[in-house]
Amino acid sequence: LPHAWPELSARLAGEGERTGEFLLMTGPSRTADIEKILILG
């Protein structure tokens, strides 16, 4: 991320206005319940 940040931060601003956000997607959704069972999606 520090390597990519200068490019990402430059793309976030268009003429000084907020133009959205970035999502860092790392694989499918992963959720664990109280019994430590991993559920995807």
Full PDB file with SEQRES, HELIX, SHEET, SSBOND, CRYST1, ORIGX, SCALE, CONECT and MASTER records, all heavy atoms in Angstrom:
SEQRES   1 A   41  LEU PRO HIS ALA TRP PRO GLU LEU SER ALA ARG LEU ALA          
SEQRES   2 A   41  GLY GLU GLY GLU ARG THR GLY GLU PHE LEU LEU MET THR          
SEQRES   3 A   41  GLY PRO SER ARG THR ALA ASP ILE GLU LYS ILE LEU ILE          
SEQRES   4 A   41  LEU GLY                                                      
HELIX    1 AA1 TRP A    5  LEU A   12  1                                   8    
SHEET    1 AA1 2 ALA A  13  GLY A  14  0                                        
SHEET    2 AA1 2 GLU A  17  ARG A  18 -1                                        
SHEET    1 AA2 2 ARG A  30  ALA A  32  0                                        
SHEET    2 AA2 2 LEU A  38  LEU A  40 -1                                        
CRYST1    1.000    1.000    1.000  90.00  90.00  90.00 P 1           1          
ORIGX1      1.000000  0.000000  0.000000        0.00000                         
ORIGX2      0.000000  1.000000  0.000000        0.00000                         
ORIGX3      0.000000  0.000000  1.000000        0.00000                         
SCALE1      1.000000  0.000000  0.000000        0.00000                         
SCALE2      0.000000  1.000000  0.000000        0.00000                         
SCALE3      0.000000  0.000000  1.000000        0.00000                         
ATOM      1  N   LEU A   1       0.809  -1.223   0.000  1.00  0.00           N  
ATOM      2  CA  LEU A   1       0.000   0.000   0.000  1.00  0.00           C  
ATOM      3  C   LEU A   1       0.843   1.275   0.000  1.00  0.00           C  
ATOM      4  O   LEU A   1       0.516   2.222  -0.738  1.00  0.00           O  
ATOM      5  CB  LEU A   1      -0.967  -0.009   1.186  1.00  0.00           C  
ATOM      6  CG  LEU A   1      -1.955   1.154   1.248  1.00  0.00           C  
ATOM      7  CD1 LEU A   1      -2.777   1.250  -0.037  1.00  0.00           C  
ATOM      8  CD2 LEU A   1      -2.884   0.996   2.453  1.00  0.00           C  
ATOM      9  N   PRO A   2       1.919   1.384   0.808  1.00  0.00           N  
ATOM     10  CA  PRO A   2       2.730   2.611   0.724  1.00  0.00           C  
ATOM     11  C   PRO A   2       3.290   2.851  -0.677  1.00  0.00           C  
ATOM     12  O   PRO A   2       3.423   3.995  -1.107  1.00  0.00           O  
ATOM     13  CB  PRO A   2       3.852   2.363   1.742  1.00  0.00           C  
ATOM     14  CG  PRO A   2       3.236   1.447   2.738  1.00  0.00           C  
ATOM     15  CD  PRO A   2       2.352   0.537   1.940  1.00  0.00           C  
ATOM     16  N   HIS A   3       3.595   1.776  -1.394  1.00  0.00           N  
ATOM     17  CA  HIS A   3       4.084   1.912  -2.772  1.00  0.00           C  
ATOM     18  C   HIS A   3       2.983   2.460  -3.684  1.00  0.00           C  
ATOM     19  O   HIS A   3       3.244   3.272  -4.583  1.00  0.00           O  
ATOM     20  CB  HIS A   3       4.560   0.538  -3.266  1.00  0.00           C  
ATOM     21  CG  HIS A   3       5.232   0.566  -4.607  1.00  0.00           C  
ATOM     22  ND1 HIS A   3       5.508  -0.579  -5.323  1.00  0.00           N  
ATOM     23  CD2 HIS A   3       5.686   1.597  -5.367  1.00  0.00           C  
ATOM     24  CE1 HIS A   3       6.110  -0.245  -6.455  1.00  0.00           C  
ATOM     25  NE2 HIS A   3       6.227   1.060  -6.510  1.00  0.00           N  
ATOM     26  N   ALA A   4       1.744   2.019  -3.435  1.00  0.00           N  
ATOM     27  CA  ALA A   4       0.629   2.416  -4.296  1.00  0.00           C  
ATOM     28  C   ALA A   4      -0.016   3.732  -3.879  1.00  0.00           C  
ATOM     29  O   ALA A   4      -0.707   4.363  -4.685  1.00  0.00           O  
ATOM     30  CB  ALA A   4      -0.429   1.310  -4.291  1.00  0.00           C  
ATOM     31  N   TRP A   5       0.222   4.151  -2.631  1.00  0.00           N  
ATOM     32  CA  TRP A   5      -0.531   5.283  -2.098  1.00  0.00           C  
ATOM     33  C   TRP A   5      -0.408   6.573  -2.906  1.00  0.00           C  
ATOM     34  O   TRP A   5      -1.423   7.272  -3.103  1.00  0.00           O  
ATOM     35  CB  TRP A   5      -0.166   5.531  -0.640  1.00  0.00           C  
ATOM     36  CG  TRP A   5      -0.958   6.648  -0.050  1.00  0.00           C  
ATOM     37  CD1 TRP A   5      -0.510   7.863   0.354  1.00  0.00           C  
ATOM     38  CD2 TRP A   5      -2.371   6.664   0.158  1.00  0.00           C  
ATOM     39  NE1 TRP A   5      -1.538   8.632   0.821  1.00  0.00           N  
ATOM     40  CE2 TRP A   5      -2.707   7.925   0.704  1.00  0.00           C  
ATOM     41  CE3 TRP A   5      -3.390   5.733  -0.073  1.00  0.00           C  
ATOM     42  CZ2 TRP A   5      -4.002   8.277   1.031  1.00  0.00           C  
ATOM     43  CZ3 TRP A   5      -4.702   6.090   0.246  1.00  0.00           C  
ATOM     44  CH2 TRP A   5      -4.994   7.348   0.788  1.00  0.00           C  
ATOM     45  N   PRO A   6       0.771   6.969  -3.379  1.00  0.00           N  
ATOM     46  CA  PRO A   6       0.825   8.218  -4.159  1.00  0.00           C  
ATOM     47  C   PRO A   6      -0.116   8.206  -5.362  1.00  0.00           C  
ATOM     48  O   PRO A   6      -0.757   9.222  -5.670  1.00  0.00           O  
ATOM     49  CB  PRO A   6       2.298   8.305  -4.590  1.00  0.00           C  
ATOM     50  CG  PRO A   6       3.034   7.549  -3.531  1.00  0.00           C  
ATOM     51  CD  PRO A   6       2.133   6.413  -3.172  1.00  0.00           C  
ATOM     52  N   GLU A   7      -0.236   7.066  -6.043  1.00  0.00           N  
ATOM     53  CA  GLU A   7      -1.138   6.982  -7.191  1.00  0.00           C  
ATOM     54  C   GLU A   7      -2.598   6.982  -6.751  1.00  0.00           C  
ATOM     55  O   GLU A   7      -3.437   7.661  -7.355  1.00  0.00           O  
ATOM     56  CB  GLU A   7      -0.844   5.709  -7.989  1.00  0.00           C  
ATOM     57  CG  GLU A   7       0.522   5.705  -8.658  1.00  0.00           C  
ATOM     58  CD  GLU A   7       0.848   4.356  -9.265  1.00  0.00           C  
ATOM     59  OE1 GLU A   7       0.411   4.104 -10.406  1.00  0.00           O  
ATOM     60  OE2 GLU A   7       1.541   3.552  -8.607  1.00  0.00           O  
ATOM     61  N   LEU A   8      -2.919   6.231  -5.703  1.00  0.00           N  
ATOM     62  CA  LEU A   8      -4.302   6.157  -5.259  1.00  0.00           C  
ATOM     63  C   LEU A   8      -4.782   7.506  -4.735  1.00  0.00           C  
ATOM     64  O   LEU A   8      -5.904   7.937  -5.043  1.00  0.00           O  
ATOM     65  CB  LEU A   8      -4.446   5.095  -4.168  1.00  0.00           C  
ATOM     66  CG  LEU A   8      -4.162   3.653  -4.586  1.00  0.00           C  
ATOM     67  CD1 LEU A   8      -4.363   2.716  -3.410  1.00  0.00           C  
ATOM     68  CD2 LEU A   8      -5.039   3.234  -5.756  1.00  0.00           C  
ATOM     69  N   SER A   9      -3.954   8.168  -3.942  1.00  0.00           N  
ATOM     70  CA  SER A   9      -4.372   9.453  -3.371  1.00  0.00           C  
ATOM     71  C   SER A   9      -4.557  10.494  -4.469  1.00  0.00           C  
ATOM     72  O   SER A   9      -5.446  11.353  -4.383  1.00  0.00           O  
ATOM     73  CB  SER A   9      -3.347   9.929  -2.344  1.00  0.00           C  
ATOM     74  OG  SER A   9      -2.064  10.081  -2.926  1.00  0.00           O  
ATOM     75  N   ALA A  10      -3.735  10.435  -5.518  1.00  0.00           N  
ATOM     76  CA  ALA A  10      -3.881  11.390  -6.614  1.00  0.00           C  
ATOM     77  C   ALA A  10      -5.192  11.174  -7.363  1.00  0.00           C  
ATOM     78  O   ALA A  10      -5.800  12.122  -7.859  1.00  0.00           O  
ATOM     79  CB  ALA A  10      -2.698  11.258  -7.573  1.00  0.00           C  
ATOM     80  N   ARG A  11      -5.651   9.918  -7.437  1.00  0.00           N  
ATOM     81  CA  ARG A  11      -6.886   9.626  -8.155  1.00  0.00           C  
ATOM     82  C   ARG A  11      -8.134   9.901  -7.332  1.00  0.00           C  
ATOM     83  O   ARG A  11      -9.239   9.963  -7.876  1.00  0.00           O  
ATOM     84  CB  ARG A  11      -6.883   8.154  -8.600  1.00  0.00           C  
ATOM     85  CG  ARG A  11      -5.744   7.835  -9.568  1.00  0.00           C  
ATOM     86  CD  ARG A  11      -5.700   6.372  -9.932  1.00  0.00           C  
ATOM     87  NE  ARG A  11      -4.407   6.024 -10.518  1.00  0.00           N  
ATOM     88  CZ  ARG A  11      -4.098   4.831 -11.002  1.00  0.00           C  
ATOM     89  NH1 ARG A  11      -4.985   3.864 -10.981  1.00  0.00           N  
ATOM     90  NH2 ARG A  11      -2.900   4.597 -11.498  1.00  0.00           N  
ATOM     91  N   LEU A  12      -7.970  10.046  -6.030  1.00  0.00           N  
ATOM     92  CA  LEU A  12      -9.125  10.308  -5.171  1.00  0.00           C  
ATOM     93  C   LEU A  12      -9.649  11.726  -5.321  1.00  0.00           C  
ATOM     94  O   LEU A  12     -10.815  11.993  -5.054  1.00  0.00           O  
ATOM     95  CB  LEU A  12      -8.761  10.065  -3.703  1.00  0.00           C  
ATOM     96  CG  LEU A  12      -8.839   8.616  -3.224  1.00  0.00           C  
ATOM     97  CD1 LEU A  12      -8.296   8.502  -1.819  1.00  0.00           C  
ATOM     98  CD2 LEU A  12     -10.274   8.109  -3.277  1.00  0.00           C  
ATOM     99  N   ALA A  13      -8.798  12.640  -5.693  1.00  0.00           N  
ATOM    100  CA  ALA A  13      -9.188  14.044  -5.750  1.00  0.00           C  
ATOM    101  C   ALA A  13      -9.236  14.527  -7.191  1.00  0.00           C  
ATOM    102  O   ALA A  13      -8.282  14.375  -7.937  1.00  0.00           O  
ATOM    103  CB  ALA A  13      -8.199  14.895  -4.951  1.00  0.00           C  
ATOM    104  N   GLY A  14     -10.374  15.091  -7.573  1.00  0.00           N  
ATOM    105  CA  GLY A  14     -10.501  15.691  -8.886  1.00  0.00           C  
ATOM    106  C   GLY A  14     -10.810  17.157  -8.734  1.00  0.00           C  
ATOM    107  O   GLY A  14     -11.908  17.510  -8.306  1.00  0.00           O  
ATOM    108  N   GLU A  15      -9.835  17.988  -9.043  1.00  0.00           N  
ATOM    109  CA  GLU A  15      -9.979  19.436  -8.892  1.00  0.00           C  
ATOM    110  C   GLU A  15     -10.391  19.804  -7.469  1.00  0.00           C  
ATOM    111  O   GLU A  15     -11.233  20.676  -7.244  1.00  0.00           O  
ATOM    112  CB  GLU A  15     -10.999  19.976  -9.902  1.00  0.00           C  
ATOM    113  CG  GLU A  15     -10.562  19.769 -11.355  1.00  0.00           C  
ATOM    114  CD  GLU A  15     -11.558  20.325 -12.338  1.00  0.00           C  
ATOM    115  OE1 GLU A  15     -12.631  20.789 -11.882  1.00  0.00           O  
ATOM    116  OE2 GLU A  15     -11.291  20.312 -13.534  1.00  0.00           O  
ATOM    117  N   GLY A  16      -9.822  19.115  -6.505  1.00  0.00           N  
ATOM    118  CA  GLY A  16     -10.084  19.434  -5.109  1.00  0.00           C  
ATOM    119  C   GLY A  16     -11.385  18.896  -4.552  1.00  0.00           C  
ATOM    120  O   GLY A  16     -11.720  19.148  -3.412  1.00  0.00           O  
ATOM    121  N   GLU A  17     -12.131  18.132  -5.350  1.00  0.00           N  
ATOM    122  CA  GLU A  17     -13.406  17.606  -4.875  1.00  0.00           C  
ATOM    123  C   GLU A  17     -13.288  16.117  -4.576  1.00  0.00           C  
ATOM    124  O   GLU A  17     -12.543  15.403  -5.228  1.00  0.00           O  
ATOM    125  CB  GLU A  17     -14.498  17.829  -5.931  1.00  0.00           C  
ATOM    126  CG  GLU A  17     -14.750  19.296  -6.243  1.00  0.00           C  
ATOM    127  CD  GLU A  17     -15.814  19.449  -7.312  1.00  0.00           C  
ATOM    128  OE1 GLU A  17     -16.335  18.418  -7.775  1.00  0.00           O  
ATOM    129  OE2 GLU A  17     -16.121  20.589  -7.683  1.00  0.00           O  
ATOM    130  N   ARG A  18     -14.060  15.679  -3.612  1.00  0.00           N  
ATOM    131  CA  ARG A  18     -14.086  14.261  -3.296  1.00  0.00           C  
ATOM    132  C   ARG A  18     -14.770  13.500  -4.421  1.00  0.00           C  
ATOM    133  O   ARG A  18     -15.856  13.864  -4.865  1.00  0.00           O  
ATOM    134  CB  ARG A  18     -14.853  14.032  -1.988  1.00  0.00           C  
ATOM    135  CG  ARG A  18     -14.884  12.569  -1.567  1.00  0.00           C  
ATOM    136  CD  ARG A  18     -15.697  12.397  -0.303  1.00  0.00           C  
ATOM    137  NE  ARG A  18     -15.779  10.996   0.062  1.00  0.00           N  
ATOM    138  CZ  ARG A  18     -16.571  10.507   0.996  1.00  0.00           C  
ATOM    139  NH1 ARG A  18     -17.349  11.324   1.674  1.00  0.00           N  
ATOM    140  NH2 ARG A  18     -16.593   9.230   1.275  1.00  0.00           N  
ATOM    141  N   THR A  19     -14.152  12.438  -4.883  1.00  0.00           N  
ATOM    142  CA  THR A  19     -14.709  11.686  -6.005  1.00  0.00           C  
ATOM    143  C   THR A  19     -14.934  10.222  -5.673  1.00  0.00           C  
ATOM    144  O   THR A  19     -15.045   9.401  -6.560  1.00  0.00           O  
ATOM    145  CB  THR A  19     -13.773  11.782  -7.226  1.00  0.00           C  
ATOM    146  OG1 THR A  19     -12.480  11.269  -6.858  1.00  0.00           O  
ATOM    147  CG2 THR A  19     -13.629  13.200  -7.703  1.00  0.00           C  
ATOM    148  N   GLY A  20     -15.010   9.875  -4.408  1.00  0.00           N  
ATOM    149  CA  GLY A  20     -15.297   8.493  -4.077  1.00  0.00           C  
ATOM    150  C   GLY A  20     -14.260   7.880  -3.170  1.00  0.00           C  
ATOM    151  O   GLY A  20     -13.438   8.564  -2.573  1.00  0.00           O  
ATOM    152  N   GLU A  21     -14.273   6.583  -3.096  1.00  0.00           N  
ATOM    153  CA  GLU A  21     -13.398   5.866  -2.187  1.00  0.00           C  
ATOM    154  C   GLU A  21     -12.767   4.677  -2.910  1.00  0.00           C  
ATOM    155  O   GLU A  21     -13.141   4.351  -4.040  1.00  0.00           O  
ATOM    156  CB  GLU A  21     -14.210   5.350  -0.989  1.00  0.00           C  
ATOM    157  CG  GLU A  21     -15.271   4.348  -1.396  1.00  0.00           C  
ATOM    158  CD  GLU A  21     -16.213   3.978  -0.264  1.00  0.00           C  
ATOM    159  OE1 GLU A  21     -16.536   4.862   0.536  1.00  0.00           O  
ATOM    160  OE2 GLU A  21     -16.626   2.812  -0.201  1.00  0.00           O  
ATOM    161  N   PHE A  22     -11.806   4.046  -2.252  1.00  0.00           N  
ATOM    162  CA  PHE A  22     -11.232   2.811  -2.761  1.00  0.00           C  
ATOM    163  C   PHE A  22     -11.556   1.686  -1.791  1.00  0.00           C  
ATOM    164  O   PHE A  22     -11.543   1.872  -0.568  1.00  0.00           O  
ATOM    165  CB  PHE A  22      -9.712   2.921  -2.909  1.00  0.00           C  
ATOM    166  CG  PHE A  22      -9.290   3.640  -4.156  1.00  0.00           C  
ATOM    167  CD1 PHE A  22      -8.900   4.966  -4.109  1.00  0.00           C  
ATOM    168  CD2 PHE A  22      -9.271   2.995  -5.380  1.00  0.00           C  
ATOM    169  CE1 PHE A  22      -8.502   5.637  -5.245  1.00  0.00           C  
ATOM    170  CE2 PHE A  22      -8.876   3.655  -6.530  1.00  0.00           C  
ATOM    171  CZ  PHE A  22      -8.496   4.970  -6.464  1.00  0.00           C  
ATOM    172  N   LEU A  23     -11.838   0.536  -2.348  1.00  0.00           N  
ATOM    173  CA  LEU A  23     -12.022  -0.666  -1.552  1.00  0.00           C  
ATOM    174  C   LEU A  23     -10.856  -1.600  -1.844  1.00  0.00           C  
ATOM    175  O   LEU A  23     -10.510  -1.821  -2.997  1.00  0.00           O  
ATOM    176  CB  LEU A  23     -13.341  -1.348  -1.926  1.00  0.00           C  
ATOM    177  CG  LEU A  23     -13.595  -2.710  -1.284  1.00  0.00           C  
ATOM    178  CD1 LEU A  23     -13.813  -2.555   0.225  1.00  0.00           C  
ATOM    179  CD2 LEU A  23     -14.801  -3.395  -1.922  1.00  0.00           C  
ATOM    180  N   LEU A  24     -10.239  -2.121  -0.790  1.00  0.00           N  
ATOM    181  CA  LEU A  24      -9.185  -3.115  -0.953  1.00  0.00           C  
ATOM    182  C   LEU A  24      -9.827  -4.495  -0.826  1.00  0.00           C  
ATOM    183  O   LEU A  24     -10.185  -4.925   0.273  1.00  0.00           O  
ATOM    184  CB  LEU A  24      -8.083  -2.917   0.092  1.00  0.00           C  
ATOM    185  CG  LEU A  24      -7.361  -1.573   0.040  1.00  0.00           C  
ATOM    186  CD1 LEU A  24      -6.275  -1.517   1.109  1.00  0.00           C  
ATOM    187  CD2 LEU A  24      -6.763  -1.311  -1.337  1.00  0.00           C  
ATOM    188  N   MET A  25      -9.981  -5.174  -1.940  1.00  0.00           N  
ATOM    189  CA  MET A  25     -10.637  -6.481  -1.958  1.00  0.00           C  
ATOM    190  C   MET A  25      -9.571  -7.572  -1.886  1.00  0.00           C  
ATOM    191  O   MET A  25      -8.706  -7.663  -2.762  1.00  0.00           O  
ATOM    192  CB  MET A  25     -11.489  -6.638  -3.212  1.00  0.00           C  
ATOM    193  CG  MET A  25     -12.623  -5.644  -3.324  1.00  0.00           C  
ATOM    194  SD  MET A  25     -13.706  -5.956  -4.735  1.00  0.00           S  
ATOM    195  CE  MET A  25     -14.481  -7.501  -4.247  1.00  0.00           C  
ATOM    196  N   THR A  26      -9.675  -8.396  -0.856  1.00  0.00           N  
ATOM    197  CA  THR A  26      -8.703  -9.474  -0.661  1.00  0.00           C  
ATOM    198  C   THR A  26      -9.462 -10.792  -0.569  1.00  0.00           C  
ATOM    199  O   THR A  26      -9.779 -11.271   0.521  1.00  0.00           O  
ATOM    200  CB  THR A  26      -7.877  -9.244   0.621  1.00  0.00           C  
ATOM    201  OG1 THR A  26      -7.369  -7.909   0.609  1.00  0.00           O  
ATOM    202  CG2 THR A  26      -6.701 -10.200   0.684  1.00  0.00           C  
ATOM    203  N   GLY A  27      -9.812 -11.343  -1.704  1.00  0.00           N  
ATOM    204  CA  GLY A  27     -10.519 -12.606  -1.727  1.00  0.00           C  
ATOM    205  C   GLY A  27     -11.986 -12.470  -1.382  1.00  0.00           C  
ATOM    206  O   GLY A  27     -12.517 -11.364  -1.204  1.00  0.00           O  
ATOM    207  N   PRO A  28     -12.699 -13.596  -1.280  1.00  0.00           N  
ATOM    208  CA  PRO A  28     -14.130 -13.572  -0.976  1.00  0.00           C  
ATOM    209  C   PRO A  28     -14.394 -13.152   0.456  1.00  0.00           C  
ATOM    210  O   PRO A  28     -13.498 -13.130   1.301  1.00  0.00           O  
ATOM    211  CB  PRO A  28     -14.549 -15.033  -1.214  1.00  0.00           C  
ATOM    212  CG  PRO A  28     -13.302 -15.827  -1.003  1.00  0.00           C  
ATOM    213  CD  PRO A  28     -12.181 -14.957  -1.497  1.00  0.00           C  
ATOM    214  N   SER A  29     -15.659 -12.828   0.717  1.00  0.00           N  
ATOM    215  CA  SER A  29     -16.078 -12.482   2.081  1.00  0.00           C  
ATOM    216  C   SER A  29     -15.872 -13.690   2.988  1.00  0.00           C  
ATOM    217  O   SER A  29     -16.250 -14.807   2.661  1.00  0.00           O  
ATOM    218  CB  SER A  29     -17.555 -12.074   2.069  1.00  0.00           C  
ATOM    219  OG  SER A  29     -18.088 -12.056   3.369  1.00  0.00           O  
ATOM    220  N   ARG A  30     -15.257 -13.443   4.149  1.00  0.00           N  
ATOM    221  CA  ARG A  30     -14.975 -14.526   5.099  1.00  0.00           C  
ATOM    222  C   ARG A  30     -15.543 -14.144   6.464  1.00  0.00           C  
ATOM    223  O   ARG A  30     -15.202 -13.102   7.015  1.00  0.00           O  
ATOM    224  CB  ARG A  30     -13.459 -14.753   5.216  1.00  0.00           C  
ATOM    225  CG  ARG A  30     -12.796 -15.093   3.908  1.00  0.00           C  
ATOM    226  CD  ARG A  30     -11.294 -14.888   3.943  1.00  0.00           C  
ATOM    227  NE  ARG A  30     -10.626 -15.773   4.880  1.00  0.00           N  
ATOM    228  CZ  ARG A  30     -10.240 -17.019   4.593  1.00  0.00           C  
ATOM    229  NH1 ARG A  30     -10.454 -17.501   3.385  1.00  0.00           N  
ATOM    230  NH2 ARG A  30      -9.636 -17.760   5.497  1.00  0.00           N  
ATOM    231  N   THR A  31     -16.408 -14.993   6.988  1.00  0.00           N  
ATOM    232  CA  THR A  31     -17.047 -14.734   8.275  1.00  0.00           C  
ATOM    233  C   THR A  31     -16.929 -15.989   9.139  1.00  0.00           C  
ATOM    234  O   THR A  31     -17.218 -17.089   8.678  1.00  0.00           O  
ATOM    235  CB  THR A  31     -18.533 -14.380   8.093  1.00  0.00           C  
ATOM    236  OG1 THR A  31     -18.638 -13.250   7.215  1.00  0.00           O  
ATOM    237  CG2 THR A  31     -19.177 -14.034   9.413  1.00  0.00           C  
ATOM    238  N   ALA A  32     -16.502 -15.817  10.386  1.00  0.00           N  
ATOM    239  CA  ALA A  32     -16.404 -16.935  11.318  1.00  0.00           C  
ATOM    240  C   ALA A  32     -17.453 -16.779  12.413  1.00  0.00           C  
ATOM    241  O   ALA A  32     -17.612 -15.696  12.976  1.00  0.00           O  
ATOM    242  CB  ALA A  32     -15.016 -17.014  11.931  1.00  0.00           C  
ATOM    243  N   ASP A  33     -18.184 -17.856  12.722  1.00  0.00           N  
ATOM    244  CA  ASP A  33     -19.165 -17.777  13.789  1.00  0.00           C  
ATOM    245  C   ASP A  33     -18.514 -18.083  15.135  1.00  0.00           C  
ATOM    246  O   ASP A  33     -17.300 -18.271  15.241  1.00  0.00           O  
ATOM    247  CB  ASP A  33     -20.355 -18.701  13.507  1.00  0.00           C  
ATOM    248  CG  ASP A  33     -19.976 -20.179  13.558  1.00  0.00           C  
ATOM    249  OD1 ASP A  33     -18.847 -20.500  13.978  1.00  0.00           O  
ATOM    250  OD2 ASP A  33     -20.827 -21.004  13.194  1.00  0.00           O  
ATOM    251  N   ILE A  34     -19.329 -18.158  16.173  1.00  0.00           N  
ATOM    252  CA  ILE A  34     -18.800 -18.315  17.515  1.00  0.00           C  
ATOM    253  C   ILE A  34     -18.097 -19.660  17.714  1.00  0.00           C  
ATOM    254  O   ILE A  34     -17.271 -19.823  18.603  1.00  0.00           O  
ATOM    255  CB  ILE A  34     -19.942 -18.126  18.549  1.00  0.00           C  
ATOM    256  CG1 ILE A  34     -19.375 -17.893  19.948  1.00  0.00           C  
ATOM    257  CG2 ILE A  34     -20.884 -19.326  18.515  1.00  0.00           C  
ATOM    258  CD1 ILE A  34     -20.430 -17.479  20.956  1.00  0.00           C  
ATOM    259  N   GLU A  35     -18.423 -20.626  16.867  1.00  0.00           N  
ATOM    260  CA  GLU A  35     -17.785 -21.933  16.951  1.00  0.00           C  
ATOM    261  C   GLU A  35     -16.579 -22.045  16.014  1.00  0.00           C  
ATOM    262  O   GLU A  35     -16.089 -23.133  15.750  1.00  0.00           O  
ATOM    263  CB  GLU A  35     -18.798 -23.029  16.642  1.00  0.00           C  
ATOM    264  CG  GLU A  35     -19.924 -23.102  17.667  1.00  0.00           C  
ATOM    265  CD  GLU A  35     -20.859 -24.259  17.422  1.00  0.00           C  
ATOM    266  OE1 GLU A  35     -20.609 -25.013  16.462  1.00  0.00           O  
ATOM    267  OE2 GLU A  35     -21.812 -24.419  18.188  1.00  0.00           O  
ATOM    268  N   LYS A  36     -16.123 -20.891  15.490  1.00  0.00           N  
ATOM    269  CA  LYS A  36     -14.930 -20.804  14.660  1.00  0.00           C  
ATOM    270  C   LYS A  36     -15.080 -21.555  13.332  1.00  0.00           C  
ATOM    271  O   LYS A  36     -14.103 -22.055  12.774  1.00  0.00           O  
ATOM    272  CB  LYS A  36     -13.698 -21.318  15.413  1.00  0.00           C  
ATOM    273  CG  LYS A  36     -13.394 -20.542  16.687  1.00  0.00           C  
ATOM    274  CD  LYS A  36     -12.157 -21.074  17.385  1.00  0.00           C  
ATOM    275  CE  LYS A  36     -11.880 -20.298  18.660  1.00  0.00           C  
ATOM    276  NZ  LYS A  36     -10.679 -20.796  19.369  1.00  0.00           N  
ATOM    277  N   ILE A  37     -16.303 -21.601  12.837  1.00  0.00           N  
ATOM    278  CA  ILE A  37     -16.548 -22.188  11.522  1.00  0.00           C  
ATOM    279  C   ILE A  37     -16.521 -21.070  10.493  1.00  0.00           C  
ATOM    280  O   ILE A  37     -17.259 -20.093  10.602  1.00  0.00           O  
ATOM    281  CB  ILE A  37     -17.904 -22.921  11.486  1.00  0.00           C  
ATOM    282  CG1 ILE A  37     -17.899 -24.069  12.495  1.00  0.00           C  
ATOM    283  CG2 ILE A  37     -18.202 -23.435  10.087  1.00  0.00           C  
ATOM    284  CD1 ILE A  37     -19.234 -24.767  12.636  1.00  0.00           C  
ATOM    285  N   LEU A  38     -15.669 -21.197   9.481  1.00  0.00           N  
ATOM    286  CA  LEU A  38     -15.501 -20.145   8.482  1.00  0.00           C  
ATOM    287  C   LEU A  38     -16.538 -20.303   7.377  1.00  0.00           C  
ATOM    288  O   LEU A  38     -16.676 -21.379   6.787  1.00  0.00           O  
ATOM    289  CB  LEU A  38     -14.091 -20.208   7.896  1.00  0.00           C  
ATOM    290  CG  LEU A  38     -13.716 -19.095   6.926  1.00  0.00           C  
ATOM    291  CD1 LEU A  38     -13.684 -17.755   7.650  1.00  0.00           C  
ATOM    292  CD2 LEU A  38     -12.357 -19.373   6.304  1.00  0.00           C  
ATOM    293  N   ILE A  39     -17.260 -19.224   7.104  1.00  0.00           N  
ATOM    294  CA  ILE A  39     -18.283 -19.213   6.066  1.00  0.00           C  
ATOM    295  C   ILE A  39     -17.901 -18.168   5.025  1.00  0.00           C  
ATOM    296  O   ILE A  39     -17.581 -17.032   5.368  1.00  0.00           O  
ATOM    297  CB  ILE A  39     -19.675 -18.881   6.641  1.00  0.00           C  
ATOM    298  CG1 ILE A  39     -20.019 -19.824   7.806  1.00  0.00           C  
ATOM    299  CG2 ILE A  39     -20.725 -18.954   5.555  1.00  0.00           C  
ATOM    300  CD1 ILE A  39     -20.125 -21.269   7.410  1.00  0.00           C  
ATOM    301  N   LEU A  40     -17.950 -18.549   3.760  1.00  0.00           N  
ATOM    302  CA  LEU A  40     -17.640 -17.623   2.670  1.00  0.00           C  
ATOM    303  C   LEU A  40     -18.927 -17.016   2.116  1.00  0.00           C  
ATOM    304  O   LEU A  40     -19.945 -17.691   2.006  1.00  0.00           O  
ATOM    305  CB  LEU A  40     -16.882 -18.331   1.544  1.00  0.00           C  
ATOM    306  CG  LEU A  40     -15.532 -18.960   1.893  1.00  0.00           C  
ATOM    307  CD1 LEU A  40     -14.902 -19.586   0.649  1.00  0.00           C  
ATOM    308  CD2 LEU A  40     -14.588 -17.941   2.493  1.00  0.00           C  
ATOM    309  N   GLY A  41     -18.855 -15.736   1.764  1.00  0.00           N  
ATOM    310  CA  GLY A  41     -19.951 -15.101   1.039  1.00  0.00           C  
ATOM    311  C   GLY A  41     -21.068 -14.519   1.865  1.00  0.00           C  
ATOM    312  O   GLY A  41     -22.113 -14.172   1.311  1.00  0.00           O  
TER     313      GLY A  41                                                      
MASTER        0    0    0    1    4    0    0    6  312    1    0    4          
END                                                                             
